[in-house]
């Protein structure tokens, strides 16, 4: 057993075991990272996360490169996950960019 599996959950340093490394986990990690950059996942309920649009655009571009470079090497499920994630993130990026532009125009 690894140290992570034998740790006491009541200890401050307890960390649950990580899922196995997989393409799906990788894509979901990138997606979650982008959602945080877009301000869709605030860390606290009271906190309104400001979007980091340049970082989100970069992550979306990286995922686009990943889709392009893995063409023909993915299972149907992996390809759909990556394509659907990209479609949704691109839509959210445009939506949040528009909201940020409107908010900036109102302040000016």
PDB file of N, CA and C in Angstrom:
ATOM      1  N   UNK A   1       0.839  -1.196   0.000  1.00  0.00           N
ATOM      2  CA  UNK A   1       0.000   0.000   0.000  1.00  0.00           C
ATOM      3  C   UNK A   1       0.869   1.240   0.000  1.00  0.00           C
ATOM      4  N   UNK A   2       0.389   2.274  -0.677  1.00  0.00           N
ATOM      5  CA  UNK A   2       1.137   3.526  -0.688  1.00  0.00           C
ATOM      6  C   UNK A   2       0.848   4.307   0.588  1.00  0.00           C
ATOM      7  N   UNK A   3       1.658   5.315   0.823  1.00  0.00           N
ATOM      8  CA  UNK A   3       1.467   6.158   1.993  1.00  0.00           C
ATOM      9  C   UNK A   3       0.111   6.856   1.962  1.00  0.00           C
ATOM     10  N   UNK A   4      -0.348   7.226   0.773  1.00  0.00           N
ATOM     11  CA  UNK A   4      -1.629   7.918   0.667  1.00  0.00           C
ATOM     12  C   UNK A   4      -2.782   7.026   1.097  1.00  0.00           C
ATOM     13  N   UNK A   5      -2.681   5.734   0.811  1.00  0.00           N
ATOM     14  CA  UNK A   5      -3.773   4.820   1.134  1.00  0.00           C
ATOM     15  C   UNK A   5      -3.825   4.498   2.619  1.00  0.00           C
ATOM     16  N   UNK A   6      -2.706   4.641   3.335  1.00  0.00           N
ATOM     17  CA  UNK A   6      -2.669   4.275   4.741  1.00  0.00           C
ATOM     18  C   UNK A   6      -2.778   5.477   5.666  1.00  0.00           C
ATOM     19  N   UNK A   7      -2.898   6.695   5.137  1.00  0.00           N
ATOM     20  CA  UNK A   7      -2.993   7.872   5.975  1.00  0.00           C
ATOM     21  C   UNK A   7      -4.329   7.922   6.692  1.00  0.00           C
ATOM     22  N   UNK A   8      -4.296   8.489   7.884  1.00  0.00           N
ATOM     23  CA  UNK A   8      -5.499   8.690   8.672  1.00  0.00           C
ATOM     24  C   UNK A   8      -6.258   9.890   8.101  1.00  0.00           C
ATOM     25  N   UNK A   9      -7.550   9.721   7.721  1.00  0.00           N
ATOM     26  CA  UNK A   9      -8.300  10.834   7.141  1.00  0.00           C
ATOM     27  C   UNK A   9      -8.481  12.007   8.099  1.00  0.00           C
ATOM     28  N   UNK A  10      -8.246  11.788   9.402  1.00  0.00           N
ATOM     29  CA  UNK A  10      -8.399  12.857  10.388  1.00  0.00           C
ATOM     30  C   UNK A  10      -7.158  13.728  10.493  1.00  0.00           C
ATOM     31  N   UNK A  11      -6.076  13.319   9.883  1.00  0.00           N
ATOM     32  CA  UNK A  11      -4.859  14.124   9.914  1.00  0.00           C
ATOM     33  C   UNK A  11      -5.014  15.310   8.977  1.00  0.00           C
ATOM     34  N   UNK A  12      -4.341  16.419   9.326  1.00  0.00           N
ATOM     35  CA  UNK A  12      -4.403  17.624   8.495  1.00  0.00           C
ATOM     36  C   UNK A  12      -3.847  17.391   7.100  1.00  0.00           C
ATOM     37  N   UNK A  13      -2.852  16.566   6.963  1.00  0.00           N
ATOM     38  CA  UNK A  13      -2.173  16.364   5.695  1.00  0.00           C
ATOM     39  C   UNK A  13      -2.798  15.260   4.852  1.00  0.00           C
ATOM     40  N   UNK A  14      -3.933  14.740   5.259  1.00  0.00           N
ATOM     41  CA  UNK A  14      -4.574  13.658   4.515  1.00  0.00           C
ATOM     42  C   UNK A  14      -4.937  14.113   3.113  1.00  0.00           C
ATOM     43  N   UNK A  15      -4.619  13.282   2.164  1.00  0.00           N
ATOM     44  CA  UNK A  15      -5.006  13.512   0.780  1.00  0.00           C
ATOM     45  C   UNK A  15      -5.594  12.210   0.243  1.00  0.00           C
ATOM     46  N   UNK A  16      -6.762  12.304  -0.391  1.00  0.00           N
ATOM     47  CA  UNK A  16      -7.335  11.069  -0.953  1.00  0.00           C
ATOM     48  C   UNK A  16      -6.456  10.581  -2.103  1.00  0.00           C
ATOM     49  N   UNK A  17      -6.513   9.305  -2.398  1.00  0.00           N
ATOM     50  CA  UNK A  17      -5.696   8.778  -3.499  1.00  0.00           C
ATOM     51  C   UNK A  17      -6.115   9.393  -4.828  1.00  0.00           C
ATOM     52  N   UNK A  18      -5.144   9.596  -5.686  1.00  0.00           N
ATOM     53  CA  UNK A  18      -5.408  10.149  -7.011  1.00  0.00           C
ATOM     54  C   UNK A  18      -5.970   9.069  -7.927  1.00  0.00           C
ATOM     55  N   UNK A  19      -6.823   9.471  -8.857  1.00  0.00           N
ATOM     56  CA  UNK A  19      -7.304   8.484  -9.834  1.00  0.00           C
ATOM     57  C   UNK A  19      -6.162   8.096 -10.764  1.00  0.00           C
ATOM     58  N   UNK A  20      -6.298   6.991 -11.452  1.00  0.00           N
ATOM     59  CA  UNK A  20      -5.245   6.578 -12.379  1.00  0.00           C
ATOM     60  C   UNK A  20      -5.054   7.616 -13.484  1.00  0.00           C
ATOM     61  N   UNK A  21      -3.822   7.778 -13.926  1.00  0.00           N
ATOM     62  CA  UNK A  21      -3.538   8.692 -15.032  1.00  0.00           C
ATOM     63  C   UNK A  21      -4.175   8.135 -16.297  1.00  0.00           C
ATOM     64  N   UNK A  22      -4.908   8.994 -17.000  1.00  0.00           N
ATOM     65  CA  UNK A  22      -5.561   8.583 -18.242  1.00  0.00           C
ATOM     66  C   UNK A  22      -5.777   9.820 -19.103  1.00  0.00           C
ATOM     67  N   UNK A  23      -6.067   9.603 -20.355  1.00  0.00           N
ATOM     68  CA  UNK A  23      -6.355  10.715 -21.251  1.00  0.00           C
ATOM     69  C   UNK A  23      -7.600  11.461 -20.777  1.00  0.00           C
ATOM     70  N   UNK A  24      -8.607  10.717 -20.346  1.00  0.00           N
ATOM     71  CA  UNK A  24      -9.833  11.330 -19.851  1.00  0.00           C
ATOM     72  C   UNK A  24      -9.551  12.226 -18.663  1.00  0.00           C
ATOM     73  N   UNK A  25      -8.767  11.743 -17.710  1.00  0.00           N
ATOM     74  CA  UNK A  25      -8.430  12.551 -16.531  1.00  0.00           C
ATOM     75  C   UNK A  25      -7.651  13.796 -16.946  1.00  0.00           C
ATOM     76  N   UNK A  26      -6.764  13.661 -17.915  1.00  0.00           N
ATOM     77  CA  UNK A  26      -5.981  14.789 -18.410  1.00  0.00           C
ATOM     78  C   UNK A  26      -6.894  15.862 -19.010  1.00  0.00           C
ATOM     79  N   UNK A  27      -7.822  15.455 -19.864  1.00  0.00           N
ATOM     80  CA  UNK A  27      -8.745  16.406 -20.491  1.00  0.00           C
ATOM     81  C   UNK A  27      -9.622  17.061 -19.431  1.00  0.00           C
ATOM     82  N   UNK A  28     -10.133  16.285 -18.491  1.00  0.00           N
ATOM     83  CA  UNK A  28     -10.976  16.851 -17.438  1.00  0.00           C
ATOM     84  C   UNK A  28     -10.192  17.815 -16.551  1.00  0.00           C
ATOM     85  N   UNK A  29      -8.911  17.543 -16.348  1.00  0.00           N
ATOM     86  CA  UNK A  29      -8.053  18.457 -15.576  1.00  0.00           C
ATOM     87  C   UNK A  29      -7.878  19.776 -16.309  1.00  0.00           C
ATOM     88  N   UNK A  30      -7.615  19.722 -17.602  1.00  0.00           N
ATOM     89  CA  UNK A  30      -7.483  20.941 -18.397  1.00  0.00           C
ATOM     90  C   UNK A  30      -8.803  21.714 -18.416  1.00  0.00           C
ATOM     91  N   UNK A  31      -9.893  20.989 -18.533  1.00  0.00           N
ATOM     92  CA  UNK A  31     -11.204  21.639 -18.547  1.00  0.00           C
ATOM     93  C   UNK A  31     -11.478  22.352 -17.227  1.00  0.00           C
ATOM     94  N   UNK A  32     -11.206  21.685 -16.116  1.00  0.00           N
ATOM     95  CA  UNK A  32     -11.415  22.302 -14.805  1.00  0.00           C
ATOM     96  C   UNK A  32     -10.514  23.522 -14.630  1.00  0.00           C
ATOM     97  N   UNK A  33      -9.285  23.420 -15.086  1.00  0.00           N
ATOM     98  CA  UNK A  33      -8.354  24.548 -15.015  1.00  0.00           C
ATOM     99  C   UNK A  33      -8.929  25.740 -15.781  1.00  0.00           C
ATOM    100  N   UNK A  34      -9.429  25.501 -16.962  1.00  0.00           N
ATOM    101  CA  UNK A  34      -9.996  26.566 -17.786  1.00  0.00           C
ATOM    102  C   UNK A  34     -11.255  27.147 -17.130  1.00  0.00           C
ATOM    103  N   UNK A  35     -12.083  26.304 -16.562  1.00  0.00           N
ATOM    104  CA  UNK A  35     -13.285  26.790 -15.881  1.00  0.00           C
ATOM    105  C   UNK A  35     -12.914  27.698 -14.710  1.00  0.00           C
ATOM    106  N   UNK A  36     -11.848  27.360 -13.995  1.00  0.00           N
ATOM    107  CA  UNK A  36     -11.375  28.232 -12.911  1.00  0.00           C
ATOM    108  C   UNK A  36     -10.877  29.555 -13.484  1.00  0.00           C
ATOM    109  N   UNK A  37     -10.150  29.498 -14.584  1.00  0.00           N
ATOM    110  CA  UNK A  37      -9.626  30.713 -15.209  1.00  0.00           C
ATOM    111  C   UNK A  37     -10.758  31.605 -15.716  1.00  0.00           C
ATOM    112  N   UNK A  38     -11.858  31.005 -16.105  1.00  0.00           N
ATOM    113  CA  UNK A  38     -13.014  31.764 -16.570  1.00  0.00           C
ATOM    114  C   UNK A  38     -13.871  32.285 -15.413  1.00  0.00           C
ATOM    115  N   UNK A  39     -13.514  31.928 -14.182  1.00  0.00           N
ATOM    116  CA  UNK A  39     -14.268  32.379 -13.022  1.00  0.00           C
ATOM    117  C   UNK A  39     -15.520  31.570 -12.769  1.00  0.00           C
ATOM    118  N   UNK A  40     -15.594  30.391 -13.357  1.00  0.00           N
ATOM    119  CA  UNK A  40     -16.784  29.544 -13.215  1.00  0.00           C
ATOM    120  C   UNK A  40     -16.745  28.699 -11.944  1.00  0.00           C
ATOM    121  N   UNK A  41     -15.575  28.607 -11.306  1.00  0.00           N
ATOM    122  CA  UNK A  41     -15.418  27.790 -10.101  1.00  0.00           C
ATOM    123  C   UNK A  41     -14.790  28.633  -8.995  1.00  0.00           C
ATOM    124  N   UNK A  42     -15.585  29.451  -8.314  1.00  0.00           N
ATOM    125  CA  UNK A  42     -14.999  30.220  -7.215  1.00  0.00           C
ATOM    126  C   UNK A  42     -14.618  29.297  -6.058  1.00  0.00           C
ATOM    127  N   UNK A  43     -13.593  29.688  -5.315  1.00  0.00           N
ATOM    128  CA  UNK A  43     -13.125  28.855  -4.208  1.00  0.00           C
ATOM    129  C   UNK A  43     -14.001  29.003  -2.974  1.00  0.00           C
ATOM    130  N   UNK A  44     -14.664  30.134  -2.818  1.00  0.00           N
ATOM    131  CA  UNK A  44     -15.557  30.353  -1.686  1.00  0.00           C
ATOM    132  C   UNK A  44     -16.868  30.925  -2.221  1.00  0.00           C
ATOM    133  N   UNK A  45     -17.960  30.629  -1.551  1.00  0.00           N
ATOM    134  CA  UNK A  45     -19.263  31.074  -2.039  1.00  0.00           C
ATOM    135  C   UNK A  45     -19.370  32.592  -2.089  1.00  0.00           C
ATOM    136  N   UNK A  46     -18.765  33.272  -1.112  1.00  0.00           N
ATOM    137  CA  UNK A  46     -18.861  34.730  -1.072  1.00  0.00           C
ATOM    138  C   UNK A  46     -17.965  35.385  -2.114  1.00  0.00           C
ATOM    139  N   UNK A  47     -16.997  34.658  -2.571  1.00  0.00           N
ATOM    140  CA  UNK A  47     -15.980  35.205  -3.457  1.00  0.00           C
ATOM    141  C   UNK A  47     -16.416  35.115  -4.919  1.00  0.00           C
ATOM    142  N   UNK A  48     -16.386  36.240  -5.623  1.00  0.00           N
ATOM    143  CA  UNK A  48     -16.669  36.244  -7.062  1.00  0.00           C
ATOM    144  C   UNK A  48     -15.327  36.232  -7.770  1.00  0.00           C
ATOM    145  N   UNK A  49     -15.026  35.139  -8.401  1.00  0.00           N
ATOM    146  CA  UNK A  49     -13.734  35.000  -9.073  1.00  0.00           C
ATOM    147  C   UNK A  49     -13.698  35.848 -10.336  1.00  0.00           C
ATOM    148  N   UNK A  50     -12.667  36.644 -10.470  1.00  0.00           N
ATOM    149  CA  UNK A  50     -12.473  37.437 -11.680  1.00  0.00           C
ATOM    150  C   UNK A  50     -11.897  36.540 -12.769  1.00  0.00           C
ATOM    151  N   UNK A  51     -12.444  36.593 -13.964  1.00  0.00           N
ATOM    152  CA  UNK A  51     -11.908  35.750 -15.032  1.00  0.00           C
ATOM    153  C   UNK A  51     -10.517  36.201 -15.469  1.00  0.00           C
ATOM    154  N   UNK A  52      -9.699  35.232 -15.781  1.00  0.00           N
ATOM    155  CA  UNK A  52      -8.377  35.476 -16.353  1.00  0.00           C
ATOM    156  C   UNK A  52      -8.474  35.047 -17.816  1.00  0.00           C
ATOM    157  N   UNK A  53      -8.980  35.959 -18.643  1.00  0.00           N
ATOM    158  CA  UNK A  53      -9.323  35.613 -20.020  1.00  0.00           C
ATOM    159  C   UNK A  53      -8.113  35.190 -20.850  1.00  0.00           C
ATOM    160  N   UNK A  54      -6.968  35.829 -20.648  1.00  0.00           N
ATOM    161  CA  UNK A  54      -5.774  35.460 -21.427  1.00  0.00           C
ATOM    162  C   UNK A  54      -5.342  34.030 -21.094  1.00  0.00           C
ATOM    163  N   UNK A  55      -5.378  33.680 -19.806  1.00  0.00           N
ATOM    164  CA  UNK A  55      -5.002  32.324 -19.404  1.00  0.00           C
ATOM    165  C   UNK A  55      -6.027  31.303 -19.919  1.00  0.00           C
ATOM    166  N   UNK A  56      -7.305  31.647 -19.846  1.00  0.00           N
ATOM    167  CA  UNK A  56      -8.349  30.743 -20.341  1.00  0.00           C
ATOM    168  C   UNK A  56      -8.183  30.518 -21.844  1.00  0.00           C
ATOM    169  N   UNK A  57      -7.924  31.593 -22.591  1.00  0.00           N
ATOM    170  CA  UNK A  57      -7.715  31.474 -24.041  1.00  0.00           C
ATOM    171  C   UNK A  57      -6.523  30.565 -24.329  1.00  0.00           C
ATOM    172  N   UNK A  58      -5.474  30.698 -23.542  1.00  0.00           N
ATOM    173  CA  UNK A  58      -4.279  29.872 -23.712  1.00  0.00           C
ATOM    174  C   UNK A  58      -4.614  28.392 -23.473  1.00  0.00           C
ATOM    175  N   UNK A  59      -5.350  28.112 -22.411  1.00  0.00           N
ATOM    176  CA  UNK A  59      -5.725  26.728 -22.108  1.00  0.00           C
ATOM    177  C   UNK A  59      -6.613  26.152 -23.205  1.00  0.00           C
ATOM    178  N   UNK A  60      -7.551  26.948 -23.704  1.00  0.00           N
ATOM    179  CA  UNK A  60      -8.416  26.500 -24.802  1.00  0.00           C
ATOM    180  C   UNK A  60      -7.572  26.216 -26.043  1.00  0.00           C
ATOM    181  N   UNK A  61      -6.618  27.095 -26.328  1.00  0.00           N
ATOM    182  CA  UNK A  61      -5.729  26.871 -27.480  1.00  0.00           C
ATOM    183  C   UNK A  61      -4.911  25.595 -27.314  1.00  0.00           C
ATOM    184  N   UNK A  62      -4.431  25.336 -26.091  1.00  0.00           N
ATOM    185  CA  UNK A  62      -3.684  24.097 -25.834  1.00  0.00           C
ATOM    186  C   UNK A  62      -4.552  22.866 -26.089  1.00  0.00           C
ATOM    187  N   UNK A  63      -5.791  22.937 -25.657  1.00  0.00           N
ATOM    188  CA  UNK A  63      -6.703  21.817 -25.884  1.00  0.00           C
ATOM    189  C   UNK A  63      -6.987  21.640 -27.378  1.00  0.00           C
ATOM    190  N   UNK A  64      -7.040  22.730 -28.115  1.00  0.00           N
ATOM    191  CA  UNK A  64      -7.216  22.660 -29.563  1.00  0.00           C
ATOM    192  C   UNK A  64      -6.026  21.987 -30.236  1.00  0.00           C
ATOM    193  N   UNK A  65      -4.828  22.318 -29.767  1.00  0.00           N
ATOM    194  CA  UNK A  65      -3.618  21.673 -30.291  1.00  0.00           C
ATOM    195  C   UNK A  65      -3.649  20.182 -29.975  1.00  0.00           C
ATOM    196  N   UNK A  66      -4.070  19.859 -28.759  1.00  0.00           N
ATOM    197  CA  UNK A  66      -4.160  18.455 -28.358  1.00  0.00           C
ATOM    198  C   UNK A  66      -5.122  17.695 -29.275  1.00  0.00           C
ATOM    199  N   UNK A  67      -6.254  18.297 -29.589  1.00  0.00           N
ATOM    200  CA  UNK A  67      -7.219  17.654 -30.492  1.00  0.00           C
ATOM    201  C   UNK A  67      -6.597  17.444 -31.871  1.00  0.00           C
ATOM    202  N   UNK A  68      -5.931  18.456 -32.386  1.00  0.00           N
ATOM    203  CA  UNK A  68      -5.326  18.374 -33.714  1.00  0.00           C
ATOM    204  C   UNK A  68      -4.224  17.309 -33.763  1.00  0.00           C
ATOM    205  N   UNK A  69      -3.371  17.291 -32.757  1.00  0.00           N
ATOM    206  CA  UNK A  69      -2.214  16.391 -32.763  1.00  0.00           C
ATOM    207  C   UNK A  69      -2.570  14.941 -32.430  1.00  0.00           C
ATOM    208  N   UNK A  70      -3.756  14.714 -31.901  1.00  0.00           N
ATOM    209  CA  UNK A  70      -4.142  13.339 -31.556  1.00  0.00           C
ATOM    210  C   UNK A  70      -5.165  12.764 -32.533  1.00  0.00           C
ATOM    211  N   UNK A  71      -5.429  13.464 -33.620  1.00  0.00           N
ATOM    212  CA  UNK A  71      -6.399  12.967 -34.614  1.00  0.00           C
ATOM    213  C   UNK A  71      -6.025  11.565 -35.064  1.00  0.00           C
ATOM    214  N   UNK A  72      -7.001  10.689 -35.043  1.00  0.00           N
ATOM    215  CA  UNK A  72      -6.791   9.314 -35.470  1.00  0.00           C
ATOM    216  C   UNK A  72      -6.213   8.407 -34.395  1.00  0.00           C
ATOM    217  N   UNK A  73      -5.886   8.963 -33.238  1.00  0.00           N
ATOM    218  CA  UNK A  73      -5.287   8.159 -32.163  1.00  0.00           C
ATOM    219  C   UNK A  73      -6.159   8.059 -30.920  1.00  0.00           C
ATOM    220  N   UNK A  74      -7.360   8.624 -30.974  1.00  0.00           N
ATOM    221  CA  UNK A  74      -8.243   8.613 -29.812  1.00  0.00           C
ATOM    222  C   UNK A  74      -9.400   7.660 -30.020  1.00  0.00           C
ATOM    223  N   UNK A  75      -9.904   7.136 -28.912  1.00  0.00           N
ATOM    224  CA  UNK A  75     -11.138   6.366 -29.004  1.00  0.00           C
ATOM    225  C   UNK A  75     -12.275   7.343 -29.276  1.00  0.00           C
ATOM    226  N   UNK A  76     -13.410   6.840 -29.670  1.00  0.00           N
ATOM    227  CA  UNK A  76     -14.568   7.681 -29.924  1.00  0.00           C
ATOM    228  C   UNK A  76     -14.932   8.484 -28.674  1.00  0.00           C
ATOM    229  N   UNK A  77     -14.913   7.845 -27.519  1.00  0.00           N
ATOM    230  CA  UNK A  77     -15.267   8.517 -26.263  1.00  0.00           C
ATOM    231  C   UNK A  77     -14.269   9.624 -25.926  1.00  0.00           C
ATOM    232  N   UNK A  78     -12.976   9.363 -26.117  1.00  0.00           N
ATOM    233  CA  UNK A  78     -11.952  10.376 -25.840  1.00  0.00           C
ATOM    234  C   UNK A  78     -12.099  11.573 -26.777  1.00  0.00           C
ATOM    235  N   UNK A  79     -12.323  11.297 -28.053  1.00  0.00           N
ATOM    236  CA  UNK A  79     -12.479  12.385 -29.026  1.00  0.00           C
ATOM    237  C   UNK A  79     -13.710  13.219 -28.702  1.00  0.00           C
ATOM    238  N   UNK A  80     -14.814  12.554 -28.382  1.00  0.00           N
ATOM    239  CA  UNK A  80     -16.037  13.286 -28.040  1.00  0.00           C
ATOM    240  C   UNK A  80     -15.845  14.134 -26.788  1.00  0.00           C
ATOM    241  N   UNK A  81     -15.184  13.582 -25.786  1.00  0.00           N
ATOM    242  CA  UNK A  81     -14.935  14.337 -24.559  1.00  0.00           C
ATOM    243  C   UNK A  81     -14.133  15.599 -24.861  1.00  0.00           C
ATOM    244  N   UNK A  82     -13.074  15.466 -25.635  1.00  0.00           N
ATOM    245  CA  UNK A  82     -12.225  16.609 -25.962  1.00  0.00           C
ATOM    246  C   UNK A  82     -12.976  17.608 -26.841  1.00  0.00           C
ATOM    247  N   UNK A  83     -13.665  17.142 -27.867  1.00  0.00           N
ATOM    248  CA  UNK A  83     -14.419  18.046 -28.746  1.00  0.00           C
ATOM    249  C   UNK A  83     -15.533  18.767 -27.995  1.00  0.00           C
ATOM    250  N   UNK A  84     -16.286  18.033 -27.193  1.00  0.00           N
ATOM    251  CA  UNK A  84     -17.381  18.644 -26.432  1.00  0.00           C
ATOM    252  C   UNK A  84     -16.858  19.634 -25.399  1.00  0.00           C
ATOM    253  N   UNK A  85     -15.760  19.303 -24.757  1.00  0.00           N
ATOM    254  CA  UNK A  85     -15.153  20.217 -23.785  1.00  0.00           C
ATOM    255  C   UNK A  85     -14.712  21.500 -24.469  1.00  0.00           C
ATOM    256  N   UNK A  86     -14.062  21.356 -25.623  1.00  0.00           N
ATOM    257  CA  UNK A  86     -13.619  22.532 -26.368  1.00  0.00           C
ATOM    258  C   UNK A  86     -14.799  23.395 -26.811  1.00  0.00           C
ATOM    259  N   UNK A  87     -15.839  22.783 -27.313  1.00  0.00           N
ATOM    260  CA  UNK A  87     -17.019  23.531 -27.764  1.00  0.00           C
ATOM    261  C   UNK A  87     -17.621  24.323 -26.611  1.00  0.00           C
ATOM    262  N   UNK A  88     -17.805  23.658 -25.482  1.00  0.00           N
ATOM    263  CA  UNK A  88     -18.404  24.336 -24.329  1.00  0.00           C
ATOM    264  C   UNK A  88     -17.501  25.443 -23.796  1.00  0.00           C
ATOM    265  N   UNK A  89     -16.202  25.177 -23.694  1.00  0.00           N
ATOM    266  CA  UNK A  89     -15.283  26.195 -23.172  1.00  0.00           C
ATOM    267  C   UNK A  89     -15.191  27.398 -24.111  1.00  0.00           C
ATOM    268  N   UNK A  90     -15.198  27.149 -25.399  1.00  0.00           N
ATOM    269  CA  UNK A  90     -15.175  28.269 -26.358  1.00  0.00           C
ATOM    270  C   UNK A  90     -16.442  29.119 -26.224  1.00  0.00           C
ATOM    271  N   UNK A  91     -17.573  28.469 -26.082  1.00  0.00           N
ATOM    272  CA  UNK A  91     -18.839  29.190 -25.894  1.00  0.00           C
ATOM    273  C   UNK A  91     -18.782  30.014 -24.612  1.00  0.00           C
ATOM    274  N   UNK A  92     -18.353  29.391 -23.521  1.00  0.00           N
ATOM    275  CA  UNK A  92     -18.267  30.100 -22.235  1.00  0.00           C
ATOM    276  C   UNK A  92     -17.276  31.253 -22.308  1.00  0.00           C
ATOM    277  N   UNK A  93     -16.173  31.061 -23.016  1.00  0.00           N
ATOM    278  CA  UNK A  93     -15.177  32.117 -23.156  1.00  0.00           C
ATOM    279  C   UNK A  93     -15.799  33.343 -23.829  1.00  0.00           C
ATOM    280  N   UNK A  94     -16.524  33.133 -24.920  1.00  0.00           N
ATOM    281  CA  UNK A  94     -17.171  34.237 -25.630  1.00  0.00           C
ATOM    282  C   UNK A  94     -18.198  34.908 -24.718  1.00  0.00           C
ATOM    283  N   UNK A  95     -18.980  34.111 -24.035  1.00  0.00           N
ATOM    284  CA  UNK A  95     -20.015  34.627 -23.143  1.00  0.00           C
ATOM    285  C   UNK A  95     -19.397  35.480 -22.026  1.00  0.00           C
ATOM    286  N   UNK A  96     -18.376  34.981 -21.384  1.00  0.00           N
ATOM    287  CA  UNK A  96     -17.747  35.687 -20.268  1.00  0.00           C
ATOM    288  C   UNK A  96     -16.964  36.897 -20.763  1.00  0.00           C
ATOM    289  N   UNK A  97     -16.360  36.803 -21.942  1.00  0.00           N
ATOM    290  CA  UNK A  97     -15.667  37.958 -22.534  1.00  0.00           C
ATOM    291  C   UNK A  97     -16.657  39.086 -22.800  1.00  0.00           C
ATOM    292  N   UNK A  98     -17.823  38.752 -23.326  1.00  0.00           N
ATOM    293  CA  UNK A  98     -18.857  39.756 -23.585  1.00  0.00           C
ATOM    294  C   UNK A  98     -19.326  40.404 -22.282  1.00  0.00           C
ATOM    295  N   UNK A  99     -19.527  39.598 -21.249  1.00  0.00           N
ATOM    296  CA  UNK A  99     -19.951  40.126 -19.952  1.00  0.00           C
ATOM    297  C   UNK A  99     -18.892  41.066 -19.379  1.00  0.00           C
ATOM    298  N   UNK A 100     -17.625  40.682 -19.499  1.00  0.00           N
ATOM    299  CA  UNK A 100     -16.536  41.519 -18.988  1.00  0.00           C
ATOM    300  C   UNK A 100     -16.460  42.833 -19.762  1.00  0.00           C
ATOM    301  N   UNK A 101     -16.663  42.792 -21.066  1.00  0.00           N
ATOM    302  CA  UNK A 101     -16.625  44.007 -21.890  1.00  0.00           C
ATOM    303  C   UNK A 101     -17.786  44.935 -21.510  1.00  0.00           C
ATOM    304  N   UNK A 102     -18.961  44.375 -21.288  1.00  0.00           N
ATOM    305  CA  UNK A 102     -20.113  45.191 -20.896  1.00  0.00           C
ATOM    306  C   UNK A 102     -19.885  45.824 -19.519  1.00  0.00           C
ATOM    307  N   UNK A 103     -19.335  45.051 -18.594  1.00  0.00           N
ATOM    308  CA  UNK A 103     -19.053  45.573 -17.259  1.00  0.00           C
ATOM    309  C   UNK A 103     -18.029  46.702 -17.309  1.00  0.00           C
ATOM    310  N   UNK A 104     -17.009  46.532 -18.149  1.00  0.00           N
ATOM    311  CA  UNK A 104     -15.993  47.567 -18.293  1.00  0.00           C
ATOM    312  C   UNK A 104     -16.571  48.827 -18.933  1.00  0.00           C
ATOM    313  N   UNK A 105     -17.483  48.664 -19.883  1.00  0.00           N
ATOM    314  CA  UNK A 105     -18.117  49.812 -20.540  1.00  0.00           C
ATOM    315  C   UNK A 105     -19.020  50.588 -19.562  1.00  0.00           C
ATOM    316  N   UNK A 106     -19.672  49.870 -18.671  1.00  0.00           N
ATOM    317  CA  UNK A 106     -20.545  50.521 -17.682  1.00  0.00           C
ATOM    318  C   UNK A 106     -19.737  51.309 -16.662  1.00  0.00           C
ATOM    319  N   UNK A 107     -18.547  50.831 -16.329  1.00  0.00           N
ATOM    320  CA  UNK A 107     -17.693  51.526 -15.369  1.00  0.00           C
ATOM    321  C   UNK A 107     -17.087  52.782 -15.971  1.00  0.00           C
ATOM    322  N   UNK A 108     -16.935  52.786 -17.271  1.00  0.00           N
ATOM    323  CA  UNK A 108     -16.285  53.933 -17.939  1.00  0.00           C
ATOM    324  C   UNK A 108     -17.223  55.093 -18.148  1.00  0.00           C
TER     325      UNK A 108
END
